[in-house]
Amino acid sequence: MLEDIRKAMKAFGKEAATHRFTITEKQELAEIIYAYKQLGVRTSENEITRIAINFIIKEYHLDKEESTLDTILKLLNN
């Protein structure tokens, strides 16, 4: 799965998207980006978001009703 995500990240994302994050989510992302910058690893909010989306998609296709996405969506809809 990790290799599939790495390959997906090599493709240039051309489709624009708007996401609404909480202040806490934005702060957490900024902290992660800063932590990696300290290690000499360049990343961005866009890159991290794309990794997360690709992970959710791949895991869903592998695990369907046992995936993290399925579990959380069912909890949100109870």
C-alpha atoms as a PDB file:
ATOM      1  CA  MET A   1       0.000   0.000   0.000  1.00  0.00           C
ATOM      2  CA  LEU A   2       2.821   2.430   0.835  1.00  0.00           C
ATOM      3  CA  GLU A   3       4.374   1.998  -2.601  1.00  0.00           C
ATOM      4  CA  ASP A   4       1.007   2.738  -4.235  1.00  0.00           C
ATOM      5  CA  ILE A   5       0.712   5.934  -2.179  1.00  0.00           C
ATOM      6  CA  ARG A   6       4.281   6.949  -3.082  1.00  0.00           C
ATOM      7  CA  LYS A   7       3.482   6.475  -6.775  1.00  0.00           C
ATOM      8  CA  ALA A   8       0.252   8.484  -6.449  1.00  0.00           C
ATOM      9  CA  MET A   9       2.206  11.322  -4.849  1.00  0.00           C
ATOM     10  CA  LYS A  10       4.553  11.490  -7.848  1.00  0.00           C
ATOM     11  CA  ALA A  11       1.612  12.448 -10.084  1.00  0.00           C
ATOM     12  CA  PHE A  12       0.997  16.178 -10.271  1.00  0.00           C
ATOM     13  CA  GLY A  13      -2.359  17.094  -8.735  1.00  0.00           C
ATOM     14  CA  LYS A  14      -4.109  19.408 -11.184  1.00  0.00           C
ATOM     15  CA  GLU A  15      -7.615  19.377  -9.749  1.00  0.00           C
ATOM     16  CA  ALA A  16      -8.358  22.252  -7.401  1.00  0.00           C
ATOM     17  CA  ALA A  17     -10.202  21.491  -4.173  1.00  0.00           C
ATOM     18  CA  THR A  18     -11.286  23.469  -1.156  1.00  0.00           C
ATOM     19  CA  HIS A  19     -11.329  21.910   2.288  1.00  0.00           C
ATOM     20  CA  ARG A  20     -12.519  23.394   5.533  1.00  0.00           C
ATOM     21  CA  PHE A  21     -10.301  22.655   8.520  1.00  0.00           C
ATOM     22  CA  THR A  22     -10.673  23.575  12.168  1.00  0.00           C
ATOM     23  CA  ILE A  23      -8.117  25.880  13.744  1.00  0.00           C
ATOM     24  CA  THR A  24      -6.722  22.883  15.639  1.00  0.00           C
ATOM     25  CA  GLU A  25      -6.348  20.840  12.452  1.00  0.00           C
ATOM     26  CA  LYS A  26      -4.507  23.709  10.743  1.00  0.00           C
ATOM     27  CA  GLN A  27      -2.219  24.130  13.769  1.00  0.00           C
ATOM     28  CA  GLU A  28      -1.481  20.397  13.887  1.00  0.00           C
ATOM     29  CA  LEU A  29      -0.622  20.385  10.183  1.00  0.00           C
ATOM     30  CA  ALA A  30       1.649  23.407  10.645  1.00  0.00           C
ATOM     31  CA  GLU A  31       3.424  21.644  13.533  1.00  0.00           C
ATOM     32  CA  ILE A  32       3.969  18.529  11.420  1.00  0.00           C
ATOM     33  CA  ILE A  33       5.316  20.588   8.530  1.00  0.00           C
ATOM     34  CA  TYR A  34       7.668  22.444  10.896  1.00  0.00           C
ATOM     35  CA  ALA A  35       8.872  19.190  12.501  1.00  0.00           C
ATOM     36  CA  TYR A  36       9.785  17.780   9.108  1.00  0.00           C
ATOM     37  CA  LYS A  37      11.437  21.046   8.092  1.00  0.00           C
ATOM     38  CA  GLN A  38      13.697  20.690  11.161  1.00  0.00           C
ATOM     39  CA  LEU A  39      14.689  17.264   9.819  1.00  0.00           C
ATOM     40  CA  GLY A  40      15.469  18.703   6.392  1.00  0.00           C
ATOM     41  CA  VAL A  41      12.345  17.215   4.801  1.00  0.00           C
ATOM     42  CA  ARG A  42      10.265  19.609   2.721  1.00  0.00           C
ATOM     43  CA  THR A  43       6.511  19.040   2.760  1.00  0.00           C
ATOM     44  CA  SER A  44       3.316  21.036   2.584  1.00  0.00           C
ATOM     45  CA  GLU A  45      -0.272  21.019   3.767  1.00  0.00           C
ATOM     46  CA  ASN A  46      -1.286  19.924   0.264  1.00  0.00           C
ATOM     47  CA  GLU A  47       1.181  17.019   0.238  1.00  0.00           C
ATOM     48  CA  ILE A  48       0.136  15.773   3.676  1.00  0.00           C
ATOM     49  CA  THR A  49      -3.549  16.049   2.740  1.00  0.00           C
ATOM     50  CA  ARG A  50      -2.971  14.091  -0.478  1.00  0.00           C
ATOM     51  CA  ILE A  51      -1.076  11.377   1.432  1.00  0.00           C
ATOM     52  CA  ALA A  52      -3.968  11.101   3.887  1.00  0.00           C
ATOM     53  CA  ILE A  53      -6.581  10.924   1.122  1.00  0.00           C
ATOM     54  CA  ASN A  54      -4.613   8.299  -0.786  1.00  0.00           C
ATOM     55  CA  PHE A  55      -4.180   6.268   2.398  1.00  0.00           C
ATOM     56  CA  ILE A  56      -7.924   6.371   3.141  1.00  0.00           C
ATOM     57  CA  ILE A  57      -8.761   5.345  -0.433  1.00  0.00           C
ATOM     58  CA  LYS A  58      -6.249   2.484  -0.533  1.00  0.00           C
ATOM     59  CA  GLU A  59      -7.227   1.189   2.910  1.00  0.00           C
ATOM     60  CA  TYR A  60     -10.915   1.340   2.009  1.00  0.00           C
ATOM     61  CA  HIS A  61     -10.332  -0.691  -1.167  1.00  0.00           C
ATOM     62  CA  LEU A  62      -8.368  -3.275   0.834  1.00  0.00           C
ATOM     63  CA  ASP A  63     -10.581  -3.545   3.924  1.00  0.00           C
ATOM     64  CA  LYS A  64     -14.026  -2.190   2.901  1.00  0.00           C
ATOM     65  CA  GLU A  65     -16.251  -2.575   5.995  1.00  0.00           C
ATOM     66  CA  GLU A  66     -13.246  -2.956   8.299  1.00  0.00           C
ATOM     67  CA  SER A  67     -11.536   0.186   7.039  1.00  0.00           C
ATOM     68  CA  THR A  68     -10.933   3.258   9.173  1.00  0.00           C
ATOM     69  CA  LEU A  69     -13.169   5.282   6.844  1.00  0.00           C
ATOM     70  CA  ASP A  70     -16.079   2.854   7.157  1.00  0.00           C
ATOM     71  CA  THR A  71     -15.753   2.669  10.932  1.00  0.00           C
ATOM     72  CA  ILE A  72     -15.672   6.452  11.422  1.00  0.00           C
ATOM     73  CA  LEU A  73     -18.489   7.122   8.948  1.00  0.00           C
ATOM     74  CA  LYS A  74     -20.689   4.610  10.759  1.00  0.00           C
ATOM     75  CA  LEU A  75     -19.853   6.212  14.130  1.00  0.00           C
ATOM     76  CA  LEU A  76     -20.709   9.657  12.742  1.00  0.00           C
ATOM     77  CA  ASN A  77     -24.054   8.392  11.470  1.00  0.00           C
ATOM     78  CA  ASN A  78     -25.261   6.784  14.710  1.00  0.00           C
END
